[in-house]
Amino acid sequence: MSNEYIALLSDEEANLRELIESEKEMKSEWSGLDQAEFTALERGQSAYDQICDEKRDSSYLDSFWPSFQKAKVHFF
């Protein structure tokens, strides 16, 4: 069990290192942008994040739909 946990932590550490490296690369690319381009890029990222959040929330709610349908049949 502890070996599995250590392997999982190692994988997560590698993933985190990749994310940090990607962030450094993005910051380097963004440093050459003017303020208007940067603001537009931030807005686009924010919109994308909101869409992902809505999709996740929708998927979560959809997971209850089959149970709701079964319960509805029993009540009506």
PDB file of N, CA and C in Angstrom:
ATOM      1  N   MET A   1       0.820  -1.187   0.000  1.00  0.00           N
ATOM      2  CA  MET A   1       0.000   0.000   0.000  1.00  0.00           C
ATOM      3  C   MET A   1       0.865   1.251   0.000  1.00  0.00           C
ATOM      4  N   SER A   2       1.911   1.289   0.841  1.00  0.00           N
ATOM      5  CA  SER A   2       2.756   2.479   0.916  1.00  0.00           C
ATOM      6  C   SER A   2       3.538   2.671  -0.382  1.00  0.00           C
ATOM      7  N   ASN A   3       3.924   1.584  -1.055  1.00  0.00           N
ATOM      8  CA  ASN A   3       4.613   1.714  -2.334  1.00  0.00           C
ATOM      9  C   ASN A   3       3.706   2.341  -3.382  1.00  0.00           C
ATOM     10  N   GLU A   4       2.437   1.970  -3.368  1.00  0.00           N
ATOM     11  CA  GLU A   4       1.468   2.562  -4.291  1.00  0.00           C
ATOM     12  C   GLU A   4       1.311   4.045  -4.008  1.00  0.00           C
ATOM     13  N   TYR A   5       1.273   4.386  -2.741  1.00  0.00           N
ATOM     14  CA  TYR A   5       1.132   5.788  -2.338  1.00  0.00           C
ATOM     15  C   TYR A   5       2.357   6.592  -2.772  1.00  0.00           C
ATOM     16  N   ILE A   6       3.528   6.038  -2.585  1.00  0.00           N
ATOM     17  CA  ILE A   6       4.763   6.712  -2.992  1.00  0.00           C
ATOM     18  C   ILE A   6       4.799   6.880  -4.503  1.00  0.00           C
ATOM     19  N   ALA A   7       4.391   5.865  -5.238  1.00  0.00           N
ATOM     20  CA  ALA A   7       4.353   5.956  -6.699  1.00  0.00           C
ATOM     21  C   ALA A   7       3.367   7.026  -7.144  1.00  0.00           C
ATOM     22  N   LEU A   8       2.222   7.081  -6.483  1.00  0.00           N
ATOM     23  CA  LEU A   8       1.217   8.092  -6.811  1.00  0.00           C
ATOM     24  C   LEU A   8       1.749   9.493  -6.538  1.00  0.00           C
ATOM     25  N   LEU A   9       2.414   9.667  -5.407  1.00  0.00           N
ATOM     26  CA  LEU A   9       3.012  10.966  -5.083  1.00  0.00           C
ATOM     27  C   LEU A   9       4.097  11.340  -6.083  1.00  0.00           C
ATOM     28  N   SER A  10       4.869  10.379  -6.516  1.00  0.00           N
ATOM     29  CA  SER A  10       5.909  10.641  -7.510  1.00  0.00           C
ATOM     30  C   SER A  10       5.296  11.100  -8.830  1.00  0.00           C
ATOM     31  N   ASP A  11       4.220  10.444  -9.223  1.00  0.00           N
ATOM     32  CA  ASP A  11       3.515  10.849 -10.445  1.00  0.00           C
ATOM     33  C   ASP A  11       2.969  12.265 -10.311  1.00  0.00           C
ATOM     34  N   GLU A  12       2.382  12.559  -9.173  1.00  0.00           N
ATOM     35  CA  GLU A  12       1.832  13.894  -8.948  1.00  0.00           C
ATOM     36  C   GLU A  12       2.933  14.947  -8.936  1.00  0.00           C
ATOM     37  N   GLU A  13       4.082  14.598  -8.376  1.00  0.00           N
ATOM     38  CA  GLU A  13       5.214  15.520  -8.362  1.00  0.00           C
ATOM     39  C   GLU A  13       5.676  15.803  -9.795  1.00  0.00           C
ATOM     40  N   ALA A  14       5.737  14.778 -10.625  1.00  0.00           N
ATOM     41  CA  ALA A  14       6.131  14.954 -12.025  1.00  0.00           C
ATOM     42  C   ALA A  14       5.121  15.831 -12.754  1.00  0.00           C
ATOM     43  N   ASN A  15       3.834  15.599 -12.497  1.00  0.00           N
ATOM     44  CA  ASN A  15       2.794  16.422 -13.115  1.00  0.00           C
ATOM     45  C   ASN A  15       2.921  17.872 -12.679  1.00  0.00           C
ATOM     46  N   LEU A  16       3.193  18.093 -11.414  1.00  0.00           N
ATOM     47  CA  LEU A  16       3.345  19.441 -10.892  1.00  0.00           C
ATOM     48  C   LEU A  16       4.548  20.134 -11.525  1.00  0.00           C
ATOM     49  N   ARG A  17       5.631  19.413 -11.671  1.00  0.00           N
ATOM     50  CA  ARG A  17       6.821  19.984 -12.314  1.00  0.00           C
ATOM     51  C   ARG A  17       6.515  20.394 -13.761  1.00  0.00           C
ATOM     52  N   GLU A  18       5.759  19.565 -14.470  1.00  0.00           N
ATOM     53  CA  GLU A  18       5.366  19.888 -15.851  1.00  0.00           C
ATOM     54  C   GLU A  18       4.510  21.150 -15.881  1.00  0.00           C
ATOM     55  N   LEU A  19       3.577  21.246 -14.944  1.00  0.00           N
ATOM     56  CA  LEU A  19       2.719  22.434 -14.891  1.00  0.00           C
ATOM     57  C   LEU A  19       3.527  23.693 -14.596  1.00  0.00           C
ATOM     58  N   ILE A  20       4.467  23.591 -13.694  1.00  0.00           N
ATOM     59  CA  ILE A  20       5.310  24.743 -13.356  1.00  0.00           C
ATOM     60  C   ILE A  20       6.126  25.165 -14.575  1.00  0.00           C
ATOM     61  N   GLU A  21       6.661  24.191 -15.281  1.00  0.00           N
ATOM     62  CA  GLU A  21       7.454  24.500 -16.482  1.00  0.00           C
ATOM     63  C   GLU A  21       6.565  25.146 -17.559  1.00  0.00           C
ATOM     64  N   SER A  22       5.352  24.632 -17.722  1.00  0.00           N
ATOM     65  CA  SER A  22       4.418  25.219 -18.693  1.00  0.00           C
ATOM     66  C   SER A  22       4.077  26.656 -18.316  1.00  0.00           C
ATOM     67  N   GLU A  23       3.881  26.890 -17.030  1.00  0.00           N
ATOM     68  CA  GLU A  23       3.566  28.240 -16.566  1.00  0.00           C
ATOM     69  C   GLU A  23       4.731  29.183 -16.854  1.00  0.00           C
ATOM     70  N   LYS A  24       5.944  28.733 -16.627  1.00  0.00           N
ATOM     71  CA  LYS A  24       7.122  29.562 -16.920  1.00  0.00           C
ATOM     72  C   LYS A  24       7.175  29.914 -18.401  1.00  0.00           C
ATOM     73  N   GLU A  25       6.906  28.926 -19.254  1.00  0.00           N
ATOM     74  CA  GLU A  25       6.914  29.153 -20.695  1.00  0.00           C
ATOM     75  C   GLU A  25       5.834  30.156 -21.089  1.00  0.00           C
ATOM     76  N   MET A  26       4.632  30.000 -20.522  1.00  0.00           N
ATOM     77  CA  MET A  26       3.541  30.926 -20.837  1.00  0.00           C
ATOM     78  C   MET A  26       3.883  32.339 -20.386  1.00  0.00           C
ATOM     79  N   LYS A  27       4.435  32.477 -19.190  1.00  0.00           N
ATOM     80  CA  LYS A  27       4.810  33.804 -18.701  1.00  0.00           C
ATOM     81  C   LYS A  27       5.859  34.437 -19.606  1.00  0.00           C
ATOM     82  N   SER A  28       6.771  33.637 -20.092  1.00  0.00           N
ATOM     83  CA  SER A  28       7.793  34.133 -20.997  1.00  0.00           C
ATOM     84  C   SER A  28       7.167  34.622 -22.302  1.00  0.00           C
ATOM     85  N   GLU A  29       6.223  33.852 -22.830  1.00  0.00           N
ATOM     86  CA  GLU A  29       5.534  34.247 -24.059  1.00  0.00           C
ATOM     87  C   GLU A  29       4.701  35.498 -23.829  1.00  0.00           C
ATOM     88  N   TRP A  30       4.036  35.577 -22.690  1.00  0.00           N
ATOM     89  CA  TRP A  30       3.154  36.698 -22.408  1.00  0.00           C
ATOM     90  C   TRP A  30       3.923  37.988 -22.154  1.00  0.00           C
ATOM     91  N   SER A  31       5.173  37.877 -21.743  1.00  0.00           N
ATOM     92  CA  SER A  31       5.937  39.083 -21.430  1.00  0.00           C
ATOM     93  C   SER A  31       6.123  39.956 -22.672  1.00  0.00           C
ATOM     94  N   GLY A  32       6.056  39.351 -23.859  1.00  0.00           N
ATOM     95  CA  GLY A  32       6.208  40.121 -25.091  1.00  0.00           C
ATOM     96  C   GLY A  32       4.915  40.750 -25.586  1.00  0.00           C
ATOM     97  N   LEU A  33       3.811  40.469 -24.952  1.00  0.00           N
ATOM     98  CA  LEU A  33       2.522  41.011 -25.384  1.00  0.00           C
ATOM     99  C   LEU A  33       2.316  42.411 -24.841  1.00  0.00           C
ATOM    100  N   ASP A  34       1.611  43.235 -25.610  1.00  0.00           N
ATOM    101  CA  ASP A  34       1.257  44.535 -25.041  1.00  0.00           C
ATOM    102  C   ASP A  34       0.046  44.367 -24.124  1.00  0.00           C
ATOM    103  N   GLN A  35      -0.293  45.396 -23.399  1.00  0.00           N
ATOM    104  CA  GLN A  35      -1.331  45.301 -22.367  1.00  0.00           C
ATOM    105  C   GLN A  35      -2.689  44.900 -22.939  1.00  0.00           C
ATOM    106  N   ALA A  36      -3.058  45.429 -24.095  1.00  0.00           N
ATOM    107  CA  ALA A  36      -4.357  45.089 -24.696  1.00  0.00           C
ATOM    108  C   ALA A  36      -4.421  43.607 -25.064  1.00  0.00           C
ATOM    109  N   GLU A  37      -3.348  43.089 -25.642  1.00  0.00           N
ATOM    110  CA  GLU A  37      -3.317  41.679 -26.005  1.00  0.00           C
ATOM    111  C   GLU A  37      -3.368  40.797 -24.752  1.00  0.00           C
ATOM    112  N   PHE A  38      -2.646  41.216 -23.729  1.00  0.00           N
ATOM    113  CA  PHE A  38      -2.620  40.459 -22.480  1.00  0.00           C
ATOM    114  C   PHE A  38      -4.005  40.428 -21.838  1.00  0.00           C
ATOM    115  N   THR A  39      -4.680  41.590 -21.816  1.00  0.00           N
ATOM    116  CA  THR A  39      -6.022  41.666 -21.234  1.00  0.00           C
ATOM    117  C   THR A  39      -6.989  40.778 -22.011  1.00  0.00           C
ATOM    118  N   ALA A  40      -6.906  40.805 -23.336  1.00  0.00           N
ATOM    119  CA  ALA A  40      -7.778  39.963 -24.166  1.00  0.00           C
ATOM    120  C   ALA A  40      -7.502  38.488 -23.899  1.00  0.00           C
ATOM    121  N   LEU A  41      -6.238  38.142 -23.759  1.00  0.00           N
ATOM    122  CA  LEU A  41      -5.871  36.762 -23.478  1.00  0.00           C
ATOM    123  C   LEU A  41      -6.391  36.322 -22.109  1.00  0.00           C
ATOM    124  N   GLU A  42      -6.282  37.195 -21.122  1.00  0.00           N
ATOM    125  CA  GLU A  42      -6.803  36.883 -19.790  1.00  0.00           C
ATOM    126  C   GLU A  42      -8.313  36.688 -19.826  1.00  0.00           C
ATOM    127  N   ARG A  43      -9.015  37.554 -20.555  1.00  0.00           N
ATOM    128  CA  ARG A  43     -10.483  37.416 -20.666  1.00  0.00           C
ATOM    129  C   ARG A  43     -10.851  36.104 -21.329  1.00  0.00           C
ATOM    130  N   GLY A  44     -10.115  35.750 -22.371  1.00  0.00           N
ATOM    131  CA  GLY A  44     -10.364  34.479 -23.049  1.00  0.00           C
ATOM    132  C   GLY A  44     -10.143  33.303 -22.111  1.00  0.00           C
ATOM    133  N   GLN A  45      -9.088  33.367 -21.333  1.00  0.00           N
ATOM    134  CA  GLN A  45      -8.803  32.296 -20.368  1.00  0.00           C
ATOM    135  C   GLN A  45      -9.891  32.226 -19.310  1.00  0.00           C
ATOM    136  N   SER A  46     -10.339  33.389 -18.857  1.00  0.00           N
ATOM    137  CA  SER A  46     -11.392  33.431 -17.852  1.00  0.00           C
ATOM    138  C   SER A  46     -12.687  32.824 -18.398  1.00  0.00           C
ATOM    139  N   ALA A  47     -13.023  33.165 -19.636  1.00  0.00           N
ATOM    140  CA  ALA A  47     -14.224  32.605 -20.259  1.00  0.00           C
ATOM    141  C   ALA A  47     -14.100  31.091 -20.396  1.00  0.00           C
ATOM    142  N   TYR A  48     -12.933  30.646 -20.810  1.00  0.00           N
ATOM    143  CA  TYR A  48     -12.694  29.208 -20.944  1.00  0.00           C
ATOM    144  C   TYR A  48     -12.837  28.512 -19.596  1.00  0.00           C
ATOM    145  N   ASP A  49     -12.270  29.105 -18.552  1.00  0.00           N
ATOM    146  CA  ASP A  49     -12.382  28.537 -17.207  1.00  0.00           C
ATOM    147  C   ASP A  49     -13.838  28.447 -16.764  1.00  0.00           C
ATOM    148  N   GLN A  50     -14.622  29.482 -17.069  1.00  0.00           N
ATOM    149  CA  GLN A  50     -16.039  29.472 -16.697  1.00  0.00           C
ATOM    150  C   GLN A  50     -16.787  28.372 -17.436  1.00  0.00           C
ATOM    151  N   ILE A  51     -16.470  28.195 -18.708  1.00  0.00           N
ATOM    152  CA  ILE A  51     -17.116  27.137 -19.492  1.00  0.00           C
ATOM    153  C   ILE A  51     -16.773  25.771 -18.901  1.00  0.00           C
ATOM    154  N   CYS A  52     -15.506  25.588 -18.549  1.00  0.00           N
ATOM    155  CA  CYS A  52     -15.091  24.308 -17.938  1.00  0.00           C
ATOM    156  C   CYS A  52     -15.814  24.072 -16.616  1.00  0.00           C
ATOM    157  N   ASP A  53     -15.951  25.132 -15.817  1.00  0.00           N
ATOM    158  CA  ASP A  53     -16.667  25.013 -14.542  1.00  0.00           C
ATOM    159  C   ASP A  53     -18.125  24.644 -14.771  1.00  0.00           C
ATOM    160  N   GLU A  54     -18.754  25.313 -15.732  1.00  0.00           N
ATOM    161  CA  GLU A  54     -20.163  25.022 -16.030  1.00  0.00           C
ATOM    162  C   GLU A  54     -20.334  23.591 -16.543  1.00  0.00           C
ATOM    163  N   LYS A  55     -19.414  23.170 -17.382  1.00  0.00           N
ATOM    164  CA  LYS A  55     -19.479  21.804 -17.913  1.00  0.00           C
ATOM    165  C   LYS A  55     -19.327  20.788 -16.790  1.00  0.00           C
ATOM    166  N   ARG A  56     -18.384  21.047 -15.882  1.00  0.00           N
ATOM    167  CA  ARG A  56     -18.170  20.145 -14.744  1.00  0.00           C
ATOM    168  C   ARG A  56     -19.420  20.098 -13.862  1.00  0.00           C
ATOM    169  N   ASP A  57     -19.987  21.282 -13.580  1.00  0.00           N
ATOM    170  CA  ASP A  57     -21.186  21.340 -12.753  1.00  0.00           C
ATOM    171  C   ASP A  57     -22.349  20.628 -13.427  1.00  0.00           C
ATOM    172  N   SER A  58     -22.474  20.819 -14.726  1.00  0.00           N
ATOM    173  CA  SER A  58     -23.545  20.174 -15.478  1.00  0.00           C
ATOM    174  C   SER A  58     -23.387  18.660 -15.458  1.00  0.00           C
ATOM    175  N   SER A  59     -22.155  18.196 -15.638  1.00  0.00           N
ATOM    176  CA  SER A  59     -21.895  16.752 -15.605  1.00  0.00           C
ATOM    177  C   SER A  59     -22.232  16.185 -14.238  1.00  0.00           C
ATOM    178  N   TYR A  60     -21.893  16.941 -13.209  1.00  0.00           N
ATOM    179  CA  TYR A  60     -22.189  16.500 -11.844  1.00  0.00           C
ATOM    180  C   TYR A  60     -23.695  16.378 -11.649  1.00  0.00           C
ATOM    181  N   LEU A  61     -24.440  17.385 -12.097  1.00  0.00           N
ATOM    182  CA  LEU A  61     -25.890  17.347 -11.953  1.00  0.00           C
ATOM    183  C   LEU A  61     -26.503  16.253 -12.811  1.00  0.00           C
ATOM    184  N   ASP A  62     -25.953  16.067 -14.017  1.00  0.00           N
ATOM    185  CA  ASP A  62     -26.459  15.019 -14.908  1.00  0.00           C
ATOM    186  C   ASP A  62     -26.282  13.635 -14.303  1.00  0.00           C
ATOM    187  N   SER A  63     -25.289  13.482 -13.448  1.00  0.00           N
ATOM    188  CA  SER A  63     -25.063  12.181 -12.840  1.00  0.00           C
ATOM    189  C   SER A  63     -26.225  11.773 -11.935  1.00  0.00           C
ATOM    190  N   PHE A  64     -26.989  12.760 -11.466  1.00  0.00           N
ATOM    191  CA  PHE A  64     -28.137  12.465 -10.622  1.00  0.00           C
ATOM    192  C   PHE A  64     -29.403  12.184 -11.439  1.00  0.00           C
ATOM    193  N   TRP A  65     -29.391  12.472 -12.727  1.00  0.00           N
ATOM    194  CA  TRP A  65     -30.596  12.356 -13.549  1.00  0.00           C
ATOM    195  C   TRP A  65     -31.206  10.959 -13.532  1.00  0.00           C
ATOM    196  N   PRO A  66     -30.447   9.886 -13.730  1.00  0.00           N
ATOM    197  CA  PRO A  66     -31.069   8.556 -13.696  1.00  0.00           C
ATOM    198  C   PRO A  66     -31.767   8.275 -12.361  1.00  0.00           C
ATOM    199  N   SER A  67     -31.150   8.669 -11.267  1.00  0.00           N
ATOM    200  CA  SER A  67     -31.769   8.461  -9.960  1.00  0.00           C
ATOM    201  C   SER A  67     -33.036   9.285  -9.831  1.00  0.00           C
ATOM    202  N   PHE A  68     -32.993  10.502 -10.334  1.00  0.00           N
ATOM    203  CA  PHE A  68     -34.164  11.363 -10.290  1.00  0.00           C
ATOM    204  C   PHE A  68     -35.303  10.760 -11.109  1.00  0.00           C
ATOM    205  N   GLN A  69     -34.976  10.252 -12.287  1.00  0.00           N
ATOM    206  CA  GLN A  69     -35.998   9.647 -13.141  1.00  0.00           C
ATOM    207  C   GLN A  69     -36.645   8.448 -12.442  1.00  0.00           C
ATOM    208  N   LYS A  70     -35.832   7.618 -11.785  1.00  0.00           N
ATOM    209  CA  LYS A  70     -36.384   6.462 -11.079  1.00  0.00           C
ATOM    210  C   LYS A  70     -37.268   6.913  -9.922  1.00  0.00           C
ATOM    211  N   ALA A  71     -36.833   7.915  -9.191  1.00  0.00           N
ATOM    212  CA  ALA A  71     -37.612   8.413  -8.053  1.00  0.00           C
ATOM    213  C   ALA A  71     -38.920   9.030  -8.541  1.00  0.00           C
ATOM    214  N   LYS A  72     -38.867   9.738  -9.648  1.00  0.00           N
ATOM    215  CA  LYS A  72     -40.054  10.397 -10.192  1.00  0.00           C
ATOM    216  C   LYS A  72     -41.128   9.361 -10.553  1.00  0.00           C
ATOM    217  N   VAL A  73     -40.704   8.245 -11.108  1.00  0.00           N
ATOM    218  CA  VAL A  73     -41.638   7.189 -11.497  1.00  0.00           C
ATOM    219  C   VAL A  73     -42.365   6.671 -10.260  1.00  0.00           C
ATOM    220  N   HIS A  74     -41.683   6.584  -9.150  1.00  0.00           N
ATOM    221  CA  HIS A  74     -42.281   6.041  -7.929  1.00  0.00           C
ATOM    222  C   HIS A  74     -43.230   7.046  -7.273  1.00  0.00           C
ATOM    223  N   PHE A  75     -43.029   8.327  -7.497  1.00  0.00           N
ATOM    224  CA  PHE A  75     -43.869   9.327  -6.856  1.00  0.00           C
ATOM    225  C   PHE A  75     -45.111   9.671  -7.670  1.00  0.00           C
ATOM    226  N   PHE A  76     -45.062   9.469  -8.964  1.00  0.00           N
ATOM    227  CA  PHE A  76     -46.200   9.896  -9.812  1.00  0.00           C
ATOM    228  C   PHE A  76     -46.951   8.745 -10.363  1.00  0.00           C
TER     229      PHE A  76
END
